[in-house]
Amino acid sequence: MMILLFLIMFWAIAGFLIFNVEPSSISRFWHENVLTPFQKINTNVTKQAELNRIKVEQERQQAEAYQAYLALIRESFKYKNDGN
C-alpha cells in the first residue's frame, strides 16, 4: 500500500515538475480512466442486484399464491368428503 501511495505521489510530482502537466489534465485522466469505469461497474452491479431482488420477490409471491391455491383445493376436498 505504501508503495502504491509512493508511486502515485511520485507520478504527481513528476508530472508537475518534470513534464509540466497541468492539474486539470491529471484530474481529467483520473475521472476518465479510473472513476468512470468503476462507476459503470457499480451501476451495473446495482441494477443487477435490483433485478435479482425483484425476481426473488416475484418468486415468493408466486409460491404464496400456489400455497393458497393448494390450501383451497384441500379445503374443497375436505368439504366434498364430509358431505358424503
N, C-alpha and C. Protein backbone atom coordinates (compact mmCIF):
# COMPACT_ATOMS: atom_id res chain seq x y z
N MET A 1 0.83 -1.19 0.00
CA MET A 1 0.00 0.00 0.00
C MET A 1 0.87 1.26 0.00
N MET A 2 1.92 1.20 0.78
CA MET A 2 2.82 2.36 0.83
C MET A 2 3.52 2.55 -0.51
N ILE A 3 3.84 1.45 -1.17
CA ILE A 3 4.49 1.56 -2.47
C ILE A 3 3.55 2.22 -3.48
N LEU A 4 2.29 1.83 -3.43
CA LEU A 4 1.30 2.42 -4.34
C LEU A 4 1.15 3.91 -4.06
N LEU A 5 1.08 4.28 -2.80
CA LEU A 5 0.99 5.68 -2.44
C LEU A 5 2.22 6.45 -2.91
N PHE A 6 3.38 5.86 -2.73
CA PHE A 6 4.61 6.48 -3.18
C PHE A 6 4.60 6.68 -4.70
N LEU A 7 4.17 5.67 -5.44
CA LEU A 7 4.13 5.79 -6.90
C LEU A 7 3.17 6.87 -7.36
N ILE A 8 2.02 6.95 -6.70
CA ILE A 8 1.05 7.98 -7.07
C ILE A 8 1.61 9.37 -6.79
N MET A 9 2.24 9.52 -5.62
CA MET A 9 2.82 10.82 -5.29
C MET A 9 3.97 11.16 -6.23
N PHE A 10 4.81 10.17 -6.56
CA PHE A 10 5.91 10.40 -7.48
C PHE A 10 5.39 10.81 -8.85
N TRP A 11 4.34 10.12 -9.31
CA TRP A 11 3.76 10.44 -10.62
C TRP A 11 3.23 11.87 -10.62
N ALA A 12 2.56 12.26 -9.53
CA ALA A 12 2.01 13.61 -9.46
C ALA A 12 3.12 14.66 -9.43
N ILE A 13 4.14 14.42 -8.62
CA ILE A 13 5.25 15.39 -8.53
C ILE A 13 6.01 15.45 -9.85
N ALA A 14 6.27 14.28 -10.44
CA ALA A 14 6.99 14.25 -11.72
C ALA A 14 6.17 14.95 -12.80
N GLY A 15 4.87 14.76 -12.77
CA GLY A 15 4.01 15.42 -13.75
C GLY A 15 4.04 16.92 -13.62
N PHE A 16 4.03 17.40 -12.39
CA PHE A 16 4.05 18.85 -12.18
C PHE A 16 5.42 19.46 -12.49
N LEU A 17 6.48 18.82 -12.01
CA LEU A 17 7.80 19.42 -12.11
C LEU A 17 8.52 19.12 -13.42
N ILE A 18 8.55 17.88 -13.81
CA ILE A 18 9.36 17.49 -14.95
C ILE A 18 8.62 17.70 -16.26
N PHE A 19 7.39 17.18 -16.33
CA PHE A 19 6.67 17.21 -17.60
C PHE A 19 5.72 18.38 -17.72
N ASN A 20 5.63 19.21 -16.68
CA ASN A 20 4.78 20.39 -16.68
C ASN A 20 3.33 20.03 -17.03
N VAL A 21 2.80 19.04 -16.35
CA VAL A 21 1.42 18.60 -16.56
C VAL A 21 0.50 19.46 -15.72
N GLU A 22 -0.55 19.93 -16.30
CA GLU A 22 -1.49 20.76 -15.58
C GLU A 22 -2.38 19.90 -14.68
N PRO A 23 -2.82 20.42 -13.55
CA PRO A 23 -3.69 19.65 -12.66
C PRO A 23 -4.98 19.21 -13.33
N SER A 24 -5.49 20.02 -14.25
CA SER A 24 -6.74 19.66 -14.90
C SER A 24 -6.59 18.40 -15.75
N SER A 25 -5.42 18.22 -16.38
CA SER A 25 -5.22 17.03 -17.19
C SER A 25 -5.11 15.79 -16.30
N ILE A 26 -4.50 15.94 -15.12
CA ILE A 26 -4.44 14.82 -14.18
C ILE A 26 -5.84 14.48 -13.70
N SER A 27 -6.61 15.51 -13.39
CA SER A 27 -7.98 15.29 -12.94
C SER A 27 -8.82 14.64 -14.04
N ARG A 28 -8.66 15.11 -15.26
CA ARG A 28 -9.40 14.53 -16.38
C ARG A 28 -9.00 13.07 -16.59
N PHE A 29 -7.69 12.79 -16.52
CA PHE A 29 -7.22 11.40 -16.63
C PHE A 29 -7.82 10.55 -15.54
N TRP A 30 -7.81 11.06 -14.30
CA TRP A 30 -8.34 10.30 -13.17
C TRP A 30 -9.82 9.98 -13.38
N HIS A 31 -10.60 10.96 -13.79
CA HIS A 31 -12.03 10.75 -13.96
C HIS A 31 -12.33 9.83 -15.14
N GLU A 32 -11.63 10.00 -16.25
CA GLU A 32 -11.92 9.21 -17.44
C GLU A 32 -11.45 7.77 -17.31
N ASN A 33 -10.30 7.55 -16.69
CA ASN A 33 -9.69 6.22 -16.69
C ASN A 33 -9.85 5.44 -15.40
N VAL A 34 -10.16 6.13 -14.31
CA VAL A 34 -10.25 5.43 -13.03
C VAL A 34 -11.67 5.45 -12.50
N LEU A 35 -12.23 6.64 -12.33
CA LEU A 35 -13.54 6.73 -11.67
C LEU A 35 -14.68 6.25 -12.56
N THR A 36 -14.70 6.65 -13.81
CA THR A 36 -15.82 6.31 -14.68
C THR A 36 -16.00 4.80 -14.86
N PRO A 37 -14.94 4.01 -15.12
CA PRO A 37 -15.16 2.56 -15.22
C PRO A 37 -15.71 1.95 -13.94
N PHE A 38 -15.24 2.41 -12.78
CA PHE A 38 -15.75 1.88 -11.53
C PHE A 38 -17.21 2.28 -11.31
N GLN A 39 -17.56 3.48 -11.73
CA GLN A 39 -18.94 3.91 -11.60
C GLN A 39 -19.85 3.08 -12.50
N LYS A 40 -19.37 2.76 -13.71
CA LYS A 40 -20.16 1.92 -14.61
C LYS A 40 -20.34 0.53 -14.02
N ILE A 41 -19.25 -0.03 -13.47
CA ILE A 41 -19.34 -1.36 -12.85
C ILE A 41 -20.31 -1.31 -11.68
N ASN A 42 -20.20 -0.30 -10.84
CA ASN A 42 -21.07 -0.17 -9.68
C ASN A 42 -22.52 -0.02 -10.11
N THR A 43 -22.77 0.75 -11.16
CA THR A 43 -24.13 0.93 -11.66
C THR A 43 -24.69 -0.39 -12.17
N ASN A 44 -23.86 -1.15 -12.92
CA ASN A 44 -24.32 -2.44 -13.43
C ASN A 44 -24.60 -3.41 -12.30
N VAL A 45 -23.75 -3.43 -11.28
CA VAL A 45 -23.96 -4.31 -10.14
C VAL A 45 -25.22 -3.92 -9.40
N THR A 46 -25.45 -2.63 -9.24
CA THR A 46 -26.65 -2.15 -8.55
C THR A 46 -27.90 -2.54 -9.32
N LYS A 47 -27.86 -2.37 -10.64
CA LYS A 47 -29.02 -2.74 -11.47
C LYS A 47 -29.28 -4.24 -11.38
N GLN A 48 -28.21 -5.05 -11.44
CA GLN A 48 -28.37 -6.50 -11.37
C GLN A 48 -28.92 -6.92 -10.01
N ALA A 49 -28.46 -6.27 -8.95
CA ALA A 49 -28.95 -6.59 -7.61
C ALA A 49 -30.44 -6.25 -7.50
N GLU A 50 -30.83 -5.13 -8.07
CA GLU A 50 -32.25 -4.75 -8.04
C GLU A 50 -33.10 -5.73 -8.85
N LEU A 51 -32.60 -6.15 -10.01
CA LEU A 51 -33.34 -7.14 -10.81
C LEU A 51 -33.45 -8.46 -10.05
N ASN A 52 -32.37 -8.87 -9.39
CA ASN A 52 -32.42 -10.11 -8.60
C ASN A 52 -33.41 -9.99 -7.46
N ARG A 53 -33.46 -8.83 -6.80
CA ARG A 53 -34.40 -8.62 -5.70
C ARG A 53 -35.84 -8.71 -6.20
N ILE A 54 -36.11 -8.10 -7.35
CA ILE A 54 -37.45 -8.14 -7.93
C ILE A 54 -37.81 -9.58 -8.30
N LYS A 55 -36.88 -10.31 -8.88
CA LYS A 55 -37.13 -11.69 -9.27
C LYS A 55 -37.44 -12.55 -8.04
N VAL A 56 -36.68 -12.38 -6.97
CA VAL A 56 -36.92 -13.15 -5.75
C VAL A 56 -38.29 -12.81 -5.17
N GLU A 57 -38.64 -11.53 -5.19
CA GLU A 57 -39.95 -11.12 -4.67
C GLU A 57 -41.08 -11.72 -5.51
N GLN A 58 -40.93 -11.74 -6.83
CA GLN A 58 -41.96 -12.34 -7.68
C GLN A 58 -42.08 -13.84 -7.41
N GLU A 59 -40.95 -14.51 -7.26
CA GLU A 59 -40.98 -15.94 -6.96
C GLU A 59 -41.64 -16.21 -5.62
N ARG A 60 -41.39 -15.35 -4.63
CA ARG A 60 -42.02 -15.51 -3.32
C ARG A 60 -43.53 -15.34 -3.42
N GLN A 61 -43.97 -14.34 -4.18
CA GLN A 61 -45.41 -14.12 -4.36
C GLN A 61 -46.05 -15.28 -5.09
N GLN A 62 -45.37 -15.82 -6.11
CA GLN A 62 -45.91 -16.98 -6.82
C GLN A 62 -46.02 -18.19 -5.89
N ALA A 63 -45.02 -18.39 -5.04
CA ALA A 63 -45.05 -19.51 -4.10
C ALA A 63 -46.20 -19.34 -3.11
N GLU A 64 -46.42 -18.12 -2.61
CA GLU A 64 -47.53 -17.88 -1.70
C GLU A 64 -48.87 -18.13 -2.39
N ALA A 65 -49.00 -17.67 -3.63
CA ALA A 65 -50.24 -17.89 -4.37
C ALA A 65 -50.47 -19.38 -4.60
N TYR A 66 -49.41 -20.12 -4.90
CA TYR A 66 -49.55 -21.56 -5.12
C TYR A 66 -49.94 -22.26 -3.83
N GLN A 67 -49.35 -21.84 -2.70
CA GLN A 67 -49.72 -22.44 -1.42
C GLN A 67 -51.18 -22.14 -1.09
N ALA A 68 -51.65 -20.95 -1.37
CA ALA A 68 -53.06 -20.62 -1.14
C ALA A 68 -53.96 -21.45 -2.05
N TYR A 69 -53.54 -21.66 -3.28
CA TYR A 69 -54.30 -22.49 -4.22
C TYR A 69 -54.39 -23.93 -3.70
N LEU A 70 -53.26 -24.47 -3.23
CA LEU A 70 -53.28 -25.83 -2.69
C LEU A 70 -54.15 -25.93 -1.45
N ALA A 71 -54.13 -24.91 -0.60
CA ALA A 71 -54.98 -24.91 0.60
C ALA A 71 -56.45 -24.88 0.20
N LEU A 72 -56.77 -24.13 -0.83
CA LEU A 72 -58.16 -24.07 -1.31
C LEU A 72 -58.60 -25.43 -1.84
N ILE A 73 -57.74 -26.10 -2.57
CA ILE A 73 -58.07 -27.44 -3.08
C ILE A 73 -58.26 -28.41 -1.93
N ARG A 74 -57.38 -28.36 -0.92
CA ARG A 74 -57.52 -29.25 0.24
C ARG A 74 -58.85 -29.00 0.95
N GLU A 75 -59.21 -27.74 1.11
CA GLU A 75 -60.48 -27.41 1.76
C GLU A 75 -61.66 -27.93 0.95
N SER A 76 -61.59 -27.80 -0.37
CA SER A 76 -62.71 -28.26 -1.19
C SER A 76 -62.85 -29.78 -1.11
N PHE A 77 -61.74 -30.51 -1.07
CA PHE A 77 -61.83 -31.96 -0.91
C PHE A 77 -62.34 -32.33 0.47
N LYS A 78 -61.97 -31.54 1.48
CA LYS A 78 -62.41 -31.82 2.84
C LYS A 78 -63.94 -31.69 2.92
N TYR A 79 -64.49 -30.63 2.34
CA TYR A 79 -65.95 -30.44 2.38
C TYR A 79 -66.65 -31.45 1.48
N LYS A 80 -66.02 -31.80 0.38
CA LYS A 80 -66.63 -32.79 -0.52
C LYS A 80 -66.71 -34.15 0.19
N ASN A 81 -65.67 -34.54 0.93
CA ASN A 81 -65.67 -35.82 1.64
C ASN A 81 -66.59 -35.79 2.86
N ASP A 82 -66.76 -34.63 3.50
CA ASP A 82 -67.67 -34.53 4.64
C ASP A 82 -69.12 -34.65 4.20
N GLY A 83 -69.43 -34.23 3.01
CA GLY A 83 -70.80 -34.27 2.51
C GLY A 83 -71.26 -35.68 2.19
N ASN A 84 -70.38 -36.60 1.90
CA ASN A 84 -70.79 -37.96 1.52
C ASN A 84 -71.08 -38.82 2.68
